[in-house]
């Protein structure tokens, strides 16, 4: 489970870096990007809660 959390955290950081590069180039962030970001955040939150409960 710990490896799963690490993979999700790395994916979240990589996705945030892509969004930051969009902003630095002066492009608008697509509305779907916020949905994906919320989904990744929710996934890591659910995984952390499941991991904490299982311990």
PDB file of N, CA and C in Angstrom:
ATOM      1  N   UNK A   1       0.821  -1.193   0.000  1.00  0.00           N
ATOM      2  CA  UNK A   1       0.000   0.000   0.000  1.00  0.00           C
ATOM      3  C   UNK A   1       0.863   1.255   0.000  1.00  0.00           C
ATOM      4  N   UNK A   2       1.997   1.177   0.661  1.00  0.00           N
ATOM      5  CA  UNK A   2       2.875   2.340   0.713  1.00  0.00           C
ATOM      6  C   UNK A   2       3.400   2.689  -0.678  1.00  0.00           C
ATOM      7  N   UNK A   3       3.719   1.676  -1.468  1.00  0.00           N
ATOM      8  CA  UNK A   3       4.202   1.929  -2.825  1.00  0.00           C
ATOM      9  C   UNK A   3       3.109   2.571  -3.680  1.00  0.00           C
ATOM     10  N   UNK A   4       1.865   2.151  -3.472  1.00  0.00           N
ATOM     11  CA  UNK A   4       0.744   2.749  -4.187  1.00  0.00           C
ATOM     12  C   UNK A   4       0.624   4.234  -3.851  1.00  0.00           C
ATOM     13  N   UNK A   5       0.771   4.576  -2.570  1.00  0.00           N
ATOM     14  CA  UNK A   5       0.708   5.971  -2.159  1.00  0.00           C
ATOM     15  C   UNK A   5       1.837   6.782  -2.779  1.00  0.00           C
ATOM     16  N   UNK A   6       3.015   6.204  -2.837  1.00  0.00           N
ATOM     17  CA  UNK A   6       4.154   6.903  -3.428  1.00  0.00           C
ATOM     18  C   UNK A   6       3.924   7.145  -4.917  1.00  0.00           C
ATOM     19  N   UNK A   7       3.393   6.137  -5.615  1.00  0.00           N
ATOM     20  CA  UNK A   7       3.118   6.285  -7.052  1.00  0.00           C
ATOM     21  C   UNK A   7       2.078   7.371  -7.288  1.00  0.00           C
ATOM     22  N   UNK A   8       1.018   7.387  -6.507  1.00  0.00           N
ATOM     23  CA  UNK A   8      -0.026   8.406  -6.663  1.00  0.00           C
ATOM     24  C   UNK A   8       0.536   9.796  -6.358  1.00  0.00           C
ATOM     25  N   UNK A   9       1.378   9.909  -5.330  1.00  0.00           N
ATOM     26  CA  UNK A   9       1.967  11.199  -4.997  1.00  0.00           C
ATOM     27  C   UNK A   9       2.876  11.698  -6.118  1.00  0.00           C
ATOM     28  N   UNK A  10       3.646  10.814  -6.720  1.00  0.00           N
ATOM     29  CA  UNK A  10       4.513  11.197  -7.833  1.00  0.00           C
ATOM     30  C   UNK A  10       3.675  11.630  -9.038  1.00  0.00           C
ATOM     31  N   UNK A  11       2.596  10.900  -9.319  1.00  0.00           N
ATOM     32  CA  UNK A  11       1.700  11.292 -10.405  1.00  0.00           C
ATOM     33  C   UNK A  11       1.089  12.666 -10.157  1.00  0.00           C
ATOM     34  N   UNK A  12       0.711  12.932  -8.927  1.00  0.00           N
ATOM     35  CA  UNK A  12       0.130  14.226  -8.574  1.00  0.00           C
ATOM     36  C   UNK A  12       1.138  15.343  -8.761  1.00  0.00           C
ATOM     37  N   UNK A  13       2.370  15.121  -8.344  1.00  0.00           N
ATOM     38  CA  UNK A  13       3.404  16.144  -8.524  1.00  0.00           C
ATOM     39  C   UNK A  13       3.719  16.372  -9.999  1.00  0.00           C
ATOM     40  N   UNK A  14       3.766  15.304 -10.768  1.00  0.00           N
ATOM     41  CA  UNK A  14       4.036  15.446 -12.199  1.00  0.00           C
ATOM     42  C   UNK A  14       2.903  16.198 -12.886  1.00  0.00           C
ATOM     43  N   UNK A  15       1.685  15.892 -12.533  1.00  0.00           N
ATOM     44  CA  UNK A  15       0.539  16.575 -13.134  1.00  0.00           C
ATOM     45  C   UNK A  15       0.532  18.055 -12.756  1.00  0.00           C
ATOM     46  N   UNK A  16       0.858  18.345 -11.515  1.00  0.00           N
ATOM     47  CA  UNK A  16       0.938  19.749 -11.087  1.00  0.00           C
ATOM     48  C   UNK A  16       2.047  20.478 -11.839  1.00  0.00           C
ATOM     49  N   UNK A  17       3.153  19.809 -12.101  1.00  0.00           N
ATOM     50  CA  UNK A  17       4.238  20.424 -12.867  1.00  0.00           C
ATOM     51  C   UNK A  17       3.797  20.736 -14.293  1.00  0.00           C
ATOM     52  N   UNK A  18       3.004  19.852 -14.883  1.00  0.00           N
ATOM     53  CA  UNK A  18       2.481  20.103 -16.233  1.00  0.00           C
ATOM     54  C   UNK A  18       1.564  21.318 -16.226  1.00  0.00           C
ATOM     55  N   UNK A  19       0.721  21.418 -15.215  1.00  0.00           N
ATOM     56  CA  UNK A  19      -0.181  22.568 -15.126  1.00  0.00           C
ATOM     57  C   UNK A  19       0.585  23.869 -14.913  1.00  0.00           C
ATOM     58  N   UNK A  20       1.642  23.828 -14.119  1.00  0.00           N
ATOM     59  CA  UNK A  20       2.467  25.014 -13.903  1.00  0.00           C
ATOM     60  C   UNK A  20       3.143  25.435 -15.204  1.00  0.00           C
ATOM     61  N   UNK A  21       3.588  24.450 -15.991  1.00  0.00           N
ATOM     62  CA  UNK A  21       4.214  24.793 -17.272  1.00  0.00           C
ATOM     63  C   UNK A  21       3.201  25.429 -18.219  1.00  0.00           C
ATOM     64  N   UNK A  22       1.947  25.001 -18.159  1.00  0.00           N
ATOM     65  CA  UNK A  22       0.896  25.635 -18.955  1.00  0.00           C
ATOM     66  C   UNK A  22       0.773  27.100 -18.590  1.00  0.00           C
ATOM     67  N   UNK A  23       0.742  27.377 -17.291  1.00  0.00           N
ATOM     68  CA  UNK A  23       0.555  28.749 -16.817  1.00  0.00           C
ATOM     69  C   UNK A  23       1.757  29.609 -17.183  1.00  0.00           C
ATOM     70  N   UNK A  24       2.949  29.063 -17.070  1.00  0.00           N
ATOM     71  CA  UNK A  24       4.153  29.833 -17.396  1.00  0.00           C
ATOM     72  C   UNK A  24       4.224  30.188 -18.870  1.00  0.00           C
ATOM     73  N   UNK A  25       3.655  29.347 -19.727  1.00  0.00           N
ATOM     74  CA  UNK A  25       3.634  29.639 -21.162  1.00  0.00           C
ATOM     75  C   UNK A  25       2.523  30.620 -21.522  1.00  0.00           C
ATOM     76  N   UNK A  26       1.706  30.979 -20.547  1.00  0.00           N
ATOM     77  CA  UNK A  26       0.631  31.921 -20.789  1.00  0.00           C
ATOM     78  C   UNK A  26      -0.642  31.283 -21.309  1.00  0.00           C
ATOM     79  N   UNK A  27      -0.706  29.970 -21.282  1.00  0.00           N
ATOM     80  CA  UNK A  27      -1.906  29.281 -21.758  1.00  0.00           C
ATOM     81  C   UNK A  27      -2.871  29.074 -20.596  1.00  0.00           C
ATOM     82  N   UNK A  28      -4.129  29.004 -20.930  1.00  0.00           N
ATOM     83  CA  UNK A  28      -5.148  28.748 -19.910  1.00  0.00           C
ATOM     84  C   UNK A  28      -5.163  27.265 -19.549  1.00  0.00           C
ATOM     85  N   UNK A  29      -5.476  26.992 -18.295  1.00  0.00           N
ATOM     86  CA  UNK A  29      -5.618  25.599 -17.852  1.00  0.00           C
ATOM     87  C   UNK A  29      -7.009  25.126 -18.259  1.00  0.00           C
ATOM     88  N   UNK A  30      -7.099  23.979 -18.944  1.00  0.00           N
ATOM     89  CA  UNK A  30      -8.426  23.471 -19.335  1.00  0.00           C
ATOM     90  C   UNK A  30      -9.279  23.132 -18.108  1.00  0.00           C
ATOM     91  N   UNK A  31     -10.581  23.316 -18.203  1.00  0.00           N
ATOM     92  CA  UNK A  31     -11.455  23.007 -17.053  1.00  0.00           C
ATOM     93  C   UNK A  31     -11.364  21.542 -16.607  1.00  0.00           C
ATOM     94  N   UNK A  32     -11.094  20.633 -17.556  1.00  0.00           N
ATOM     95  CA  UNK A  32     -10.988  19.224 -17.187  1.00  0.00           C
ATOM     96  C   UNK A  32      -9.784  18.983 -16.282  1.00  0.00           C
ATOM     97  N   UNK A  33      -8.784  19.846 -16.362  1.00  0.00           N
ATOM     98  CA  UNK A  33      -7.578  19.678 -15.550  1.00  0.00           C
ATOM     99  C   UNK A  33      -7.913  19.762 -14.057  1.00  0.00           C
ATOM    100  N   UNK A  34      -8.841  20.625 -13.715  1.00  0.00           N
ATOM    101  CA  UNK A  34      -9.231  20.749 -12.311  1.00  0.00           C
ATOM    102  C   UNK A  34      -9.926  19.473 -11.835  1.00  0.00           C
ATOM    103  N   UNK A  35     -10.708  18.875 -12.704  1.00  0.00           N
ATOM    104  CA  UNK A  35     -11.384  17.634 -12.353  1.00  0.00           C
ATOM    105  C   UNK A  35     -10.377  16.508 -12.122  1.00  0.00           C
ATOM    106  N   UNK A  36      -9.381  16.402 -12.988  1.00  0.00           N
ATOM    107  CA  UNK A  36      -8.355  15.370 -12.835  1.00  0.00           C
ATOM    108  C   UNK A  36      -7.546  15.618 -11.568  1.00  0.00           C
ATOM    109  N   UNK A  37      -7.224  16.874 -11.299  1.00  0.00           N
ATOM    110  CA  UNK A  37      -6.480  17.214 -10.085  1.00  0.00           C
ATOM    111  C   UNK A  37      -7.277  16.845  -8.835  1.00  0.00           C
ATOM    112  N   UNK A  38      -8.565  17.136  -8.842  1.00  0.00           N
ATOM    113  CA  UNK A  38      -9.420  16.772  -7.711  1.00  0.00           C
ATOM    114  C   UNK A  38      -9.522  15.257  -7.570  1.00  0.00           C
ATOM    115  N   UNK A  39      -9.583  14.558  -8.690  1.00  0.00           N
ATOM    116  CA  UNK A  39      -9.644  13.093  -8.655  1.00  0.00           C
ATOM    117  C   UNK A  39      -8.375  12.495  -8.050  1.00  0.00           C
ATOM    118  N   UNK A  40      -7.213  13.000  -8.458  1.00  0.00           N
ATOM    119  CA  UNK A  40      -5.957  12.494  -7.899  1.00  0.00           C
ATOM    120  C   UNK A  40      -5.847  12.810  -6.412  1.00  0.00           C
ATOM    121  N   UNK A  41      -6.268  14.007  -6.022  1.00  0.00           N
ATOM    122  CA  UNK A  41      -6.249  14.360  -4.603  1.00  0.00           C
ATOM    123  C   UNK A  41      -7.189  13.468  -3.798  1.00  0.00           C
ATOM    124  N   UNK A  42      -8.376  13.223  -4.317  1.00  0.00           N
ATOM    125  CA  UNK A  42      -9.325  12.348  -3.637  1.00  0.00           C
ATOM    126  C   UNK A  42      -8.810  10.927  -3.533  1.00  0.00           C
ATOM    127  N   UNK A  43      -8.137  10.458  -4.582  1.00  0.00           N
ATOM    128  CA  UNK A  43      -7.587   9.105  -4.574  1.00  0.00           C
ATOM    129  C   UNK A  43      -6.502   8.956  -3.513  1.00  0.00           C
ATOM    130  N   UNK A  44      -5.617   9.934  -3.418  1.00  0.00           N
ATOM    131  CA  UNK A  44      -4.556   9.832  -2.411  1.00  0.00           C
ATOM    132  C   UNK A  44      -5.128   9.983  -1.003  1.00  0.00           C
ATOM    133  N   UNK A  45      -6.149  10.814  -0.837  1.00  0.00           N
ATOM    134  CA  UNK A  45      -6.775  10.957   0.470  1.00  0.00           C
ATOM    135  C   UNK A  45      -7.464   9.661   0.892  1.00  0.00           C
ATOM    136  N   UNK A  46      -8.178   9.041  -0.032  1.00  0.00           N
ATOM    137  CA  UNK A  46      -8.834   7.762   0.274  1.00  0.00           C
ATOM    138  C   UNK A  46      -7.808   6.675   0.577  1.00  0.00           C
ATOM    139  N   UNK A  47      -6.709   6.661  -0.158  1.00  0.00           N
ATOM    140  CA  UNK A  47      -5.683   5.653   0.078  1.00  0.00           C
ATOM    141  C   UNK A  47      -5.017   5.857   1.441  1.00  0.00           C
ATOM    142  N   UNK A  48      -4.767   7.091   1.805  1.00  0.00           N
ATOM    143  CA  UNK A  48      -4.152   7.371   3.110  1.00  0.00           C
ATOM    144  C   UNK A  48      -5.104   6.961   4.232  1.00  0.00           C
ATOM    145  N   UNK A  49      -6.386   7.275   4.077  1.00  0.00           N
ATOM    146  CA  UNK A  49      -7.357   6.873   5.105  1.00  0.00           C
ATOM    147  C   UNK A  49      -7.468   5.355   5.204  1.00  0.00           C
ATOM    148  N   UNK A  50      -7.507   4.667   4.074  1.00  0.00           N
ATOM    149  CA  UNK A  50      -7.569   3.206   4.102  1.00  0.00           C
ATOM    150  C   UNK A  50      -6.328   2.608   4.730  1.00  0.00           C
ATOM    151  N   UNK A  51      -5.178   3.189   4.421  1.00  0.00           N
ATOM    152  CA  UNK A  51      -3.919   2.700   5.001  1.00  0.00           C
ATOM    153  C   UNK A  51      -3.895   2.930   6.511  1.00  0.00           C
ATOM    154  N   UNK A  52      -4.387   4.092   6.956  1.00  0.00           N
ATOM    155  CA  UNK A  52      -4.395   4.396   8.393  1.00  0.00           C
ATOM    156  C   UNK A  52      -5.375   3.483   9.141  1.00  0.00           C
ATOM    157  N   UNK A  53      -6.518   3.205   8.541  1.00  0.00           N
ATOM    158  CA  UNK A  53      -7.501   2.340   9.187  1.00  0.00           C
ATOM    159  C   UNK A  53      -6.996   0.896   9.263  1.00  0.00           C
ATOM    160  N   UNK A  54      -6.289   0.479   8.208  1.00  0.00           N
ATOM    161  CA  UNK A  54      -5.796  -0.906   8.169  1.00  0.00           C
ATOM    162  C   UNK A  54      -4.677  -1.153   9.166  1.00  0.00           C
ATOM    163  N   UNK A  55      -4.000  -0.131   9.586  1.00  0.00           N
ATOM    164  CA  UNK A  55      -2.895  -0.306  10.541  1.00  0.00           C
ATOM    165  C   UNK A  55      -3.445  -0.531  11.874  1.00  0.00           C
TER     166      UNK A  55
END
